[in-house]
Protein backbone atom coordinates (compact mmCIF):
# COMPACT_ATOMS: atom_id res chain seq x y z
CA MET A 1 22.71 -48.43 -68.23
CA LYS A 2 24.60 -47.50 -65.07
CA THR A 3 24.39 -49.06 -61.62
CA SER A 4 23.68 -47.01 -58.51
CA SER A 5 27.38 -46.91 -57.58
CA GLU A 6 28.27 -45.54 -61.03
CA MET A 7 25.84 -42.66 -60.58
CA ALA A 8 27.79 -41.32 -57.61
CA ASP A 9 30.10 -39.00 -59.57
CA SER A 10 27.19 -37.22 -61.25
CA LEU A 11 25.19 -36.98 -58.04
CA GLN A 12 28.18 -35.76 -56.03
CA ALA A 13 28.24 -32.36 -57.74
CA PHE A 14 24.50 -31.88 -57.20
CA ALA A 15 24.86 -32.74 -53.51
CA ARG A 16 27.75 -30.30 -53.05
CA GLU A 17 25.82 -27.49 -54.70
CA THR A 18 22.90 -28.23 -52.38
CA LEU A 19 25.23 -28.23 -49.37
CA GLU A 20 26.39 -24.71 -50.22
CA ALA A 21 23.04 -23.29 -51.33
CA CYS A 22 21.18 -24.52 -48.24
CA ASP A 23 23.90 -23.80 -45.65
CA ALA A 24 23.73 -27.48 -44.79
CA VAL A 25 25.94 -29.55 -42.51
CA LEU A 26 25.10 -32.81 -44.26
CA VAL A 27 23.56 -33.76 -47.60
CA ARG A 28 22.91 -37.38 -48.54
CA VAL A 29 21.62 -39.11 -51.65
CA TRP A 30 19.97 -42.51 -51.89
CA THR A 31 19.01 -44.17 -55.16
CA VAL A 32 16.70 -47.14 -55.61
CA GLY A 33 18.43 -50.49 -56.00
CA PRO A 34 17.84 -54.18 -55.31
CA GLY A 35 17.51 -55.58 -51.82
CA ASP A 36 21.07 -56.85 -51.42
CA LEU A 37 21.97 -56.55 -47.73
CA CYS A 38 18.72 -57.67 -46.14
CA ALA A 39 20.27 -60.30 -43.88
CA LYS A 40 22.41 -57.73 -42.03
CA CYS A 41 20.47 -54.50 -42.61
CA ALA A 42 19.74 -52.59 -39.41
CA MET A 43 16.42 -51.40 -40.87
CA ARG A 44 15.18 -54.78 -42.05
CA PRO A 45 12.30 -54.84 -39.50
CA GLU A 46 10.90 -51.70 -41.17
CA CYS A 47 11.24 -52.98 -44.73
CA PRO A 48 7.85 -53.87 -46.31
CA ASP A 49 9.34 -55.27 -49.54
CA GLN A 50 12.87 -56.67 -49.56
CA ARG A 51 13.05 -56.82 -53.36
CA SER A 52 14.21 -53.19 -53.46
CA CYS A 53 15.37 -50.41 -51.16
CA LEU A 54 17.27 -47.12 -51.11
CA HIS A 55 21.07 -47.35 -51.45
CA LEU A 56 23.20 -44.55 -49.95
CA VAL A 57 25.47 -43.44 -52.81
CA VAL A 58 26.57 -39.91 -51.85
CA SER A 59 27.29 -38.20 -48.54
CA VAL A 60 28.86 -34.72 -48.33
CA GLY A 61 29.45 -32.35 -45.46
CA LEU A 62 30.15 -33.75 -42.00
CA THR A 63 30.77 -37.25 -43.31
CA THR A 64 31.48 -38.87 -46.64
CA HIS A 65 31.09 -42.42 -45.33
CA LEU A 66 28.55 -44.59 -47.11
CA ASP A 67 28.33 -47.27 -44.44
CA GLY A 68 26.50 -47.23 -41.13
CA PRO A 69 22.89 -47.99 -40.19
CA PHE A 70 21.37 -45.92 -42.99
CA ARG A 71 23.38 -47.25 -45.93
CA ARG A 72 20.17 -49.03 -46.90
CA PHE A 73 16.77 -47.43 -46.32
CA PRO A 74 13.43 -49.22 -46.75
CA ILE A 75 11.14 -47.71 -49.35
CA GLY A 76 8.08 -46.39 -47.54
CA ALA A 77 9.72 -46.24 -44.11
CA ARG A 78 10.11 -43.03 -42.12
CA ARG A 79 10.45 -39.64 -43.79
CA VAL A 80 13.11 -40.55 -46.32
CA GLY A 81 11.49 -43.77 -47.46
CA ARG A 82 8.04 -42.24 -47.83
CA VAL A 83 9.34 -39.57 -50.19
CA VAL A 84 9.99 -42.22 -52.86
CA ILE A 85 6.39 -43.41 -52.76
CA GLU A 86 4.66 -40.06 -52.28
CA ARG A 87 6.99 -38.29 -54.73
CA LYS A 88 6.66 -34.98 -52.97
CA PRO A 89 9.11 -33.10 -50.72
CA TYR A 90 9.08 -33.31 -46.95
CA VAL A 91 10.36 -30.58 -44.61
CA GLU A 92 10.64 -30.10 -40.85
CA ARG A 93 11.80 -26.99 -39.04
CA GLY A 94 12.48 -26.05 -35.45
CA ASP A 95 12.58 -28.78 -32.79
CA LEU A 96 13.78 -31.63 -34.98
CA ALA A 97 14.70 -33.79 -31.99
CA ALA A 98 11.07 -33.89 -30.85
CA ARG A 99 10.09 -35.11 -34.31
CA GLY A 100 12.65 -37.90 -34.28
CA ILE A 101 14.64 -36.60 -37.25
CA ALA A 102 18.03 -37.46 -35.73
CA GLU A 103 19.81 -37.85 -32.42
CA PRO A 104 19.16 -34.75 -30.24
CA ALA A 105 22.84 -34.36 -29.31
CA TRP A 106 23.94 -34.51 -32.96
CA LEU A 107 21.35 -31.91 -33.98
CA ALA A 108 22.36 -29.59 -31.13
CA VAL A 109 26.12 -29.86 -31.64
CA HIS A 110 25.88 -29.04 -35.34
CA GLY A 111 23.16 -26.40 -35.05
CA VAL A 112 20.73 -28.16 -37.38
CA ARG A 113 17.50 -26.18 -37.61
CA SER A 114 15.68 -27.81 -40.52
CA PHE A 115 15.53 -31.04 -42.46
CA ALA A 116 14.26 -31.60 -45.99
CA ALA A 117 13.95 -34.67 -48.20
CA VAL A 118 13.02 -34.43 -51.88
CA PRO A 119 12.49 -37.06 -54.57
CA LEU A 120 15.02 -37.55 -57.37
CA GLY A 121 14.10 -38.37 -60.94
CA GLU A 122 10.75 -38.25 -62.69
CA VAL A 123 9.43 -41.52 -61.28
CA GLY A 124 10.76 -41.78 -57.75
CA ARG A 125 14.26 -43.11 -58.33
CA GLY A 126 15.93 -41.69 -55.27
CA VAL A 127 15.95 -39.19 -52.42
CA LEU A 128 18.06 -36.18 -51.48
CA ALA A 129 18.18 -35.39 -47.74
CA VAL A 130 19.41 -32.07 -46.36
CA PHE A 131 20.26 -31.09 -42.76
CA SER A 132 20.50 -27.29 -42.70
CA ARG A 133 21.73 -24.76 -40.14
CA ARG A 134 18.89 -22.39 -40.97
CA PHE A 135 15.18 -22.57 -41.61
CA LEU A 136 14.58 -23.69 -45.18
CA THR A 137 11.61 -21.87 -46.69
CA ASP A 138 8.85 -23.62 -48.59
CA GLN A 139 10.14 -21.97 -51.75
CA GLU A 140 13.65 -23.32 -51.21
CA VAL A 141 12.28 -26.82 -50.70
CA SER A 142 10.28 -26.46 -53.90
CA LEU A 143 13.49 -25.40 -55.62
CA LEU A 144 15.19 -28.55 -54.46
CA ALA A 145 12.25 -30.63 -55.66
CA PHE A 146 12.43 -29.00 -59.09
CA ALA A 147 16.16 -29.71 -59.29
CA GLY A 148 15.74 -33.25 -58.05
CA ARG A 149 13.28 -34.19 -60.75
CA ALA A 150 16.00 -33.85 -63.40
CA VAL A 151 19.01 -35.32 -61.64
CA LEU A 152 18.38 -38.88 -62.85
CA ARG A 153 17.16 -40.03 -66.22
CA ASP A 154 14.85 -43.03 -66.28
CA GLY A 155 16.32 -44.39 -69.50
CA ARG A 156 13.30 -43.34 -71.57
CA ASP A 157 12.57 -39.65 -71.14
CA ALA A 158 14.91 -36.69 -70.86
CA PRO A 159 14.65 -34.82 -67.54
CA ALA A 160 12.35 -31.86 -67.27
CA ALA A 161 14.94 -29.43 -65.89
CA ALA A 162 17.53 -28.86 -63.19
CA PRO A 163 19.07 -25.68 -61.82
CA ARG A 164 22.73 -25.06 -61.02
CA SER A 165 21.73 -24.99 -57.35
CA ALA A 166 18.59 -24.88 -55.29
CA ARG A 167 17.28 -21.79 -57.04
CA ALA A 168 14.56 -23.05 -59.36
CA ALA A 169 11.33 -24.83 -58.53
CA ARG A 170 8.77 -27.21 -59.91
CA THR A 171 5.58 -28.57 -58.44
CA PRO A 172 6.18 -32.23 -57.50
CA ALA A 173 4.39 -34.92 -59.45
CA ALA A 174 1.45 -36.82 -58.03
CA ALA A 175 2.19 -39.79 -55.81
CA ALA A 176 2.95 -43.09 -57.50
CA PRO A 177 4.22 -46.53 -56.45
CA ALA A 178 7.96 -47.00 -56.11
CA PRO A 179 9.65 -48.71 -59.03
CA THR A 180 10.00 -52.49 -58.84
CA ALA A 181 13.25 -54.35 -59.33
CA PRO A 182 13.35 -54.51 -63.17
CA GLU A 183 12.94 -50.71 -63.39
CA LEU A 184 15.49 -49.70 -60.79
CA VAL A 185 18.49 -48.79 -62.94
CA ALA A 186 18.78 -45.13 -63.99
CA THR A 187 21.48 -43.24 -65.83
CA PRO A 188 22.99 -39.92 -64.74
CA ASP A 189 22.81 -36.86 -66.93
CA ARG A 190 26.38 -35.87 -67.89
CA ARG A 191 25.55 -32.27 -68.81
CA THR A 192 25.95 -29.49 -66.27
CA LEU A 193 22.87 -28.65 -64.26
CA ALA A 194 22.74 -25.20 -65.82
CA GLU A 195 22.69 -26.74 -69.31
CA ILE A 196 19.81 -29.01 -68.39
CA GLU A 197 17.84 -26.16 -66.88
CA ARG A 198 18.43 -23.90 -69.88
CA GLU A 199 17.19 -26.60 -72.25
CA ALA A 200 14.07 -27.20 -70.19
CA ILE A 201 13.17 -23.52 -70.10
CA GLU A 202 13.73 -23.12 -73.82
CA ARG A 203 11.58 -26.18 -74.51
CA ALA A 204 8.78 -24.80 -72.33
CA LEU A 205 8.92 -21.43 -74.12
CA VAL A 206 8.62 -23.15 -77.48
CA GLN A 207 5.61 -25.14 -76.32
CA THR A 208 3.91 -22.03 -74.94
CA ALA A 209 4.79 -19.80 -77.92
CA GLY A 210 6.90 -17.56 -75.69
CA ARG A 211 4.18 -17.02 -73.09
CA ILE A 212 5.64 -16.82 -69.56
CA SER A 213 2.69 -16.19 -67.24
CA GLY A 214 -0.91 -17.35 -67.17
CA PRO A 215 -2.41 -20.84 -66.88
CA ARG A 216 -0.85 -21.88 -70.19
CA GLY A 217 2.45 -20.10 -69.72
CA ALA A 218 5.91 -21.55 -69.33
CA ALA A 219 6.03 -20.66 -65.63
CA THR A 220 2.97 -22.79 -64.93
CA MET A 221 4.37 -25.64 -67.03
CA LEU A 222 7.60 -25.60 -65.03
CA GLY A 223 5.92 -25.06 -61.67
CA LEU A 224 7.59 -21.68 -61.19
CA LYS A 225 6.39 -18.21 -60.32
CA PRO A 226 6.61 -15.93 -63.40
CA SER A 227 9.08 -13.68 -61.57
CA THR A 228 11.26 -16.67 -60.69
CA LEU A 229 11.24 -17.90 -64.27
CA ALA A 230 12.13 -14.44 -65.55
CA SER A 231 15.03 -14.28 -63.11
CA ARG A 232 16.30 -17.71 -64.17
CA MET A 233 16.04 -16.75 -67.85
CA GLN A 234 18.09 -13.62 -67.26
CA LYS A 235 20.76 -15.51 -65.30
CA LEU A 236 21.00 -18.29 -67.88
CA GLY A 237 20.85 -15.98 -70.90
CA VAL A 238 17.60 -17.44 -72.22
CA ARG A 239 15.75 -15.10 -74.54
CA ARG A 240 11.98 -15.01 -74.70
CA ARG A 241 10.68 -16.52 -77.93
CA LYS A 242 7.92 -14.64 -79.71
């Protein structure tokens, strides 16, 4: 098993791809870890359970620093913390300052027009946060959610899938409680994101006997539109099984 700090190298590539794909100024990744800095954490008053919290492990774009007031984030607090519990993406567009997403001056200087946070892993093991210069569409946020589900393994099950960038989607899983301390450690997937995605699509096609569309098709299984799945198959060189 790997600690949260040891996951950083694997998560760094995913964050950089997201930065480029979403025209973002800042992308950050938190993974669930033990409550270790509670005595001096700036967000301690908002922390409902100090046994575990989100640890900032990757920051790309405007800053790569992993310190500061948000190096630890309470699970269940604010937008980022709630994503771990609800296990579904969150997005805001337009007047982000009025919604308290970040400091108004910072948002204005860097031209940030939308913010999205998506869960990582199959069972709420982390959060990816994106500050973008343009409006992120619902489809793009779904793409990020699909990718995020496969970024971390939970030590028991292989990930469902992950695209090379934010260009594949999956319907988020139903809400579930955040993992407790004994379950916090996850291991990164060392394959490329394209390899993971290709394997997931091929597995879905086997399970659906090559059917792409329809309620029992591979697209539905993966949470994709049939046209999106067909496009991903063509790009990845996946042939339809009959």
